[in-house]
Amino acid sequence: GAGGFVQSLVIAPCKREREKKKSLCSRLLAGHIAADQSRQLTDFCFLAKSATETSAEYEWNQNVEEVNLNVTCEVGLSAKKVKCIITTTHLQLKTSDGGGGGGGGGEGEGEGEGEGGDKVLLDHKTVGQVKPDESFWTIDSKRGVINITLQKSHEGKTWSSVFQGHETLDHQAKESEQRRLLLERFQLEHPGFDFSGAEINGAVPDASTFMGGFSNR
């Protein structure tokens, strides 16, 4: 559309792999899982693209635990030139022409004051709260992509966009996401059952609060 917003459905898994520090969902975004392979892994993950004059082009998706972004950057960019500051409600991502070291994900309330050659890719308030210490970023220099994983503070909460002021999912798309996350939550809470073909009739409840909230602990 005129706003540079594209939305589509892609296949993505719903599985906890926190020890690997990268979900299968983010691996799908990074191109490490083929669509036909991920189709065997369970649910759908919504993928949206948004580009504005004040923001780098990025793609994002989510599962019950995380929001994952792929941000376009310069091909061949070194990780040392990336500065990513993640706080509870804000994300700043910039690249530096200088040789200084870049910050890692989950640094908390840090200041990324760089040299005059710094290029700001993202500098926005997030729609939901995140856990900075459990969030992180990686870079694929060959593809020119920075992947950022934001750990949700409220697991199961449906995000309608990543950043405040950016175009949001429409009502139908958000309801579809809420339904998918609820079924994903049920699958995590009851791994012995298959919810892949389950249907939810009527209004879809919030997966983060329904029946007392997420209890896979």
Protein backbone atom coordinates (compact mmCIF):
# COMPACT_ATOMS: atom_id res chain seq x y z
CA GLY A 1 0.00 0.00 0.00
CA ALA A 2 0.89 3.65 -0.08
CA GLY A 3 2.26 3.42 3.45
CA GLY A 4 4.75 0.74 2.51
CA PHE A 5 2.93 -1.85 4.62
CA VAL A 6 2.81 -5.47 3.54
CA GLN A 7 1.31 -8.31 5.51
CA SER A 8 1.30 -12.03 4.81
CA LEU A 9 1.13 -15.35 6.54
CA VAL A 10 4.20 -17.52 6.85
CA ILE A 11 4.75 -20.81 8.61
CA ALA A 12 6.61 -20.59 11.90
CA PRO A 13 7.15 -22.89 14.85
CA CYS A 14 6.03 -22.47 18.41
CA LYS A 15 8.77 -24.03 20.53
CA ARG A 16 10.92 -22.88 23.45
CA GLU A 17 14.64 -22.85 22.70
CA ARG A 18 15.82 -20.16 25.08
CA GLU A 19 19.08 -22.04 25.72
CA LYS A 20 20.00 -21.56 22.08
CA LYS A 21 19.21 -17.85 22.39
CA LYS A 22 17.30 -17.88 19.11
CA SER A 23 13.78 -19.09 18.50
CA LEU A 24 12.83 -21.12 15.46
CA CYS A 25 10.61 -18.22 14.53
CA SER A 26 13.57 -15.84 14.31
CA ARG A 27 15.55 -18.50 12.43
CA LEU A 28 12.76 -18.60 9.88
CA LEU A 29 12.99 -14.83 9.48
CA ALA A 30 16.75 -15.13 9.06
CA GLY A 31 16.24 -17.65 6.26
CA HIS A 32 17.66 -20.63 8.15
CA ILE A 33 14.49 -22.72 7.91
CA ALA A 34 12.80 -23.39 4.60
CA ALA A 35 9.05 -22.80 4.46
CA ASP A 36 8.30 -26.41 3.55
CA GLN A 37 10.37 -27.64 6.53
CA SER A 38 8.75 -25.22 8.98
CA ARG A 39 5.32 -26.26 7.74
CA GLN A 40 5.83 -29.47 9.69
CA LEU A 41 6.56 -27.67 12.94
CA THR A 42 3.05 -26.34 13.76
CA ASP A 43 1.53 -22.90 13.65
CA PHE A 44 1.61 -19.80 11.51
CA CYS A 45 3.61 -16.70 12.32
CA PHE A 46 2.48 -13.33 10.93
CA LEU A 47 5.14 -11.45 9.00
CA ALA A 48 4.74 -7.73 8.34
CA LYS A 49 6.96 -5.21 6.63
CA SER A 50 6.93 -1.52 7.39
CA ALA A 51 9.06 1.30 6.04
CA THR A 52 8.81 5.01 6.87
CA GLU A 53 10.92 8.03 6.09
CA THR A 54 12.34 8.03 9.63
CA SER A 55 12.91 4.31 9.99
CA ALA A 56 15.01 1.65 8.32
CA GLU A 57 13.12 -1.05 6.47
CA TYR A 58 12.34 -4.00 8.70
CA GLU A 59 10.24 -7.12 8.94
CA TRP A 60 8.78 -8.55 12.12
CA ASN A 61 6.83 -11.42 13.57
CA GLN A 62 5.97 -12.70 17.02
CA ASN A 63 5.23 -15.73 19.14
CA VAL A 64 3.95 -15.96 22.72
CA GLU A 65 7.38 -15.11 24.14
CA GLU A 66 9.13 -12.90 21.62
CA VAL A 67 8.93 -10.26 18.94
CA ASN A 68 11.51 -10.76 16.19
CA LEU A 69 12.73 -8.10 13.77
CA ASN A 70 14.88 -8.25 10.67
CA VAL A 71 16.38 -4.84 9.93
CA THR A 72 18.04 -4.09 6.61
CA CYS A 73 21.62 -2.84 6.91
CA GLU A 74 24.69 -2.43 4.74
CA VAL A 75 26.05 -5.68 3.31
CA GLY A 76 29.41 -6.50 4.89
CA LEU A 77 28.73 -4.42 8.00
CA SER A 78 30.84 -5.51 10.99
CA ALA A 79 29.13 -6.33 14.29
CA LYS A 80 31.63 -3.96 15.95
CA LYS A 81 29.93 -1.06 14.17
CA VAL A 82 26.45 -1.92 15.41
CA LYS A 83 25.05 -0.23 18.51
CA CYS A 84 21.79 -1.64 19.82
CA ILE A 85 20.28 -0.30 23.04
CA ILE A 86 17.20 -2.10 24.35
CA THR A 87 15.29 -0.82 27.36
CA THR A 88 11.92 -1.78 28.81
CA THR A 89 10.01 0.48 26.42
CA HIS A 90 12.49 1.68 23.81
CA LEU A 91 14.83 0.38 21.12
CA GLN A 92 17.63 2.28 19.46
CA LEU A 93 19.68 0.76 16.66
CA LYS A 94 22.45 2.56 14.85
CA THR A 95 25.59 1.83 12.91
CA SER A 96 28.88 3.67 13.21
CA ASP A 97 31.50 4.56 10.63
CA GLY A 98 34.05 4.65 13.45
CA GLY A 99 35.94 1.67 14.80
CA GLY A 100 34.36 1.74 18.26
CA GLY A 101 32.71 -1.32 19.71
CA GLY A 102 28.99 -1.86 19.40
CA GLY A 103 26.65 -2.60 22.25
CA GLY A 104 24.96 -5.94 22.64
CA GLY A 105 21.30 -6.63 23.14
CA GLY A 106 19.77 -6.30 26.56
CA GLU A 107 22.11 -3.62 27.87
CA GLY A 108 19.37 -1.71 29.66
CA GLU A 109 19.43 2.06 30.00
CA GLY A 110 22.62 2.78 28.15
CA GLU A 111 23.53 5.76 26.04
CA GLY A 112 24.62 5.17 22.47
CA GLU A 113 26.23 8.51 21.78
CA GLY A 114 28.36 7.95 18.74
CA GLU A 115 30.54 9.94 16.40
CA GLY A 116 29.07 12.27 13.84
CA GLY A 117 29.09 9.44 11.30
CA ASP A 118 26.54 7.34 13.18
CA LYS A 119 23.51 6.29 11.17
CA VAL A 120 20.32 5.78 13.15
CA LEU A 121 18.29 2.86 11.81
CA LEU A 122 15.64 2.64 14.53
CA ASP A 123 14.89 4.90 17.49
CA HIS A 124 11.37 4.25 18.75
CA LYS A 125 9.22 3.37 21.75
CA THR A 126 7.94 -0.19 21.66
CA VAL A 127 4.23 -1.00 21.72
CA GLY A 128 4.66 -3.45 24.61
CA GLN A 129 7.15 -3.80 27.43
CA VAL A 130 10.20 -6.01 26.95
CA LYS A 131 12.80 -7.71 29.15
CA PRO A 132 16.10 -6.05 28.18
CA ASP A 133 18.30 -8.67 29.88
CA GLU A 134 16.70 -11.46 27.85
CA SER A 135 16.64 -9.58 24.54
CA PHE A 136 19.49 -9.74 22.06
CA TRP A 137 20.61 -9.10 18.50
CA THR A 138 22.70 -10.84 15.85
CA ILE A 139 23.92 -9.78 12.42
CA ASP A 140 24.19 -11.57 9.08
CA SER A 141 26.79 -9.41 7.34
CA LYS A 142 26.62 -11.37 4.11
CA ARG A 143 22.89 -10.73 3.72
CA GLY A 144 22.92 -7.26 5.25
CA VAL A 145 20.40 -8.09 7.97
CA ILE A 146 20.36 -7.37 11.72
CA ASN A 147 18.05 -9.69 13.64
CA ILE A 148 16.68 -8.40 16.95
CA THR A 149 14.78 -10.56 19.42
CA LEU A 150 12.70 -8.72 22.02
CA GLN A 151 11.55 -10.84 24.95
CA LYS A 152 8.00 -9.89 25.90
CA SER A 153 7.41 -8.84 29.51
CA HIS A 154 3.84 -10.12 29.22
CA GLU A 155 4.00 -13.51 27.54
CA GLY A 156 1.07 -14.23 25.27
CA LYS A 157 0.25 -10.55 24.71
CA THR A 158 -0.54 -9.78 21.09
CA TRP A 159 1.45 -6.90 19.65
CA SER A 160 -0.34 -5.01 16.87
CA SER A 161 2.96 -3.47 15.78
CA VAL A 162 6.49 -3.27 17.14
CA PHE A 163 6.78 0.49 17.61
CA GLN A 164 4.42 3.24 18.64
CA GLY A 165 3.37 5.44 15.74
CA HIS A 166 4.04 2.76 13.12
CA GLU A 167 1.23 1.29 11.06
CA THR A 168 -0.59 -1.42 12.98
CA LEU A 169 -2.26 -4.67 12.01
CA ASP A 170 -5.88 -4.19 11.04
CA HIS A 171 -8.66 -5.65 13.18
CA GLN A 172 -8.89 -8.90 11.25
CA ALA A 173 -5.15 -9.47 11.24
CA LYS A 174 -4.85 -8.71 14.96
CA GLU A 175 -7.68 -11.09 15.81
CA SER A 176 -6.01 -13.77 13.71
CA GLU A 177 -2.77 -13.20 15.60
CA GLN A 178 -4.54 -13.34 18.94
CA ARG A 179 -6.16 -16.64 17.98
CA ARG A 180 -2.82 -18.08 16.83
CA LEU A 181 -1.02 -17.03 20.01
CA LEU A 182 -3.75 -18.50 22.18
CA LEU A 183 -3.45 -21.86 20.43
CA GLU A 184 0.34 -21.62 20.69
CA ARG A 185 -0.01 -21.01 24.42
CA PHE A 186 -2.28 -24.05 24.77
CA GLN A 187 0.27 -26.15 22.87
CA LEU A 188 3.08 -25.07 25.20
CA GLU A 189 0.98 -25.68 28.30
CA HIS A 190 -0.23 -29.09 27.06
CA PRO A 191 2.56 -30.57 24.91
CA GLY A 192 0.85 -33.97 24.77
CA PHE A 193 -2.06 -32.58 22.76
CA ASP A 194 -2.27 -31.35 19.17
CA PHE A 195 -3.98 -27.98 18.77
CA SER A 196 -2.99 -27.47 15.13
CA GLY A 197 -6.53 -28.08 13.89
CA ALA A 198 -8.35 -26.42 16.78
CA GLU A 199 -10.89 -23.66 16.17
CA ILE A 200 -11.99 -20.80 18.42
CA ASN A 201 -15.53 -19.53 17.96
CA GLY A 202 -16.68 -16.07 18.94
CA ALA A 203 -14.50 -13.38 20.48
CA VAL A 204 -10.89 -14.47 20.93
CA PRO A 205 -9.62 -13.98 24.51
CA ASP A 206 -6.24 -12.45 25.32
CA ALA A 207 -3.68 -15.25 25.55
CA SER A 208 -1.75 -13.36 28.23
CA THR A 209 -4.67 -13.22 30.70
CA PHE A 210 -7.12 -15.98 29.70
CA MET A 211 -7.79 -18.43 32.53
CA GLY A 212 -5.25 -16.84 34.83
CA GLY A 213 -2.53 -16.24 32.27
CA PHE A 214 0.35 -18.21 30.80
CA SER A 215 1.33 -21.10 33.08
CA ASN A 216 4.10 -22.96 31.25
CA ARG A 217 6.64 -22.71 34.08
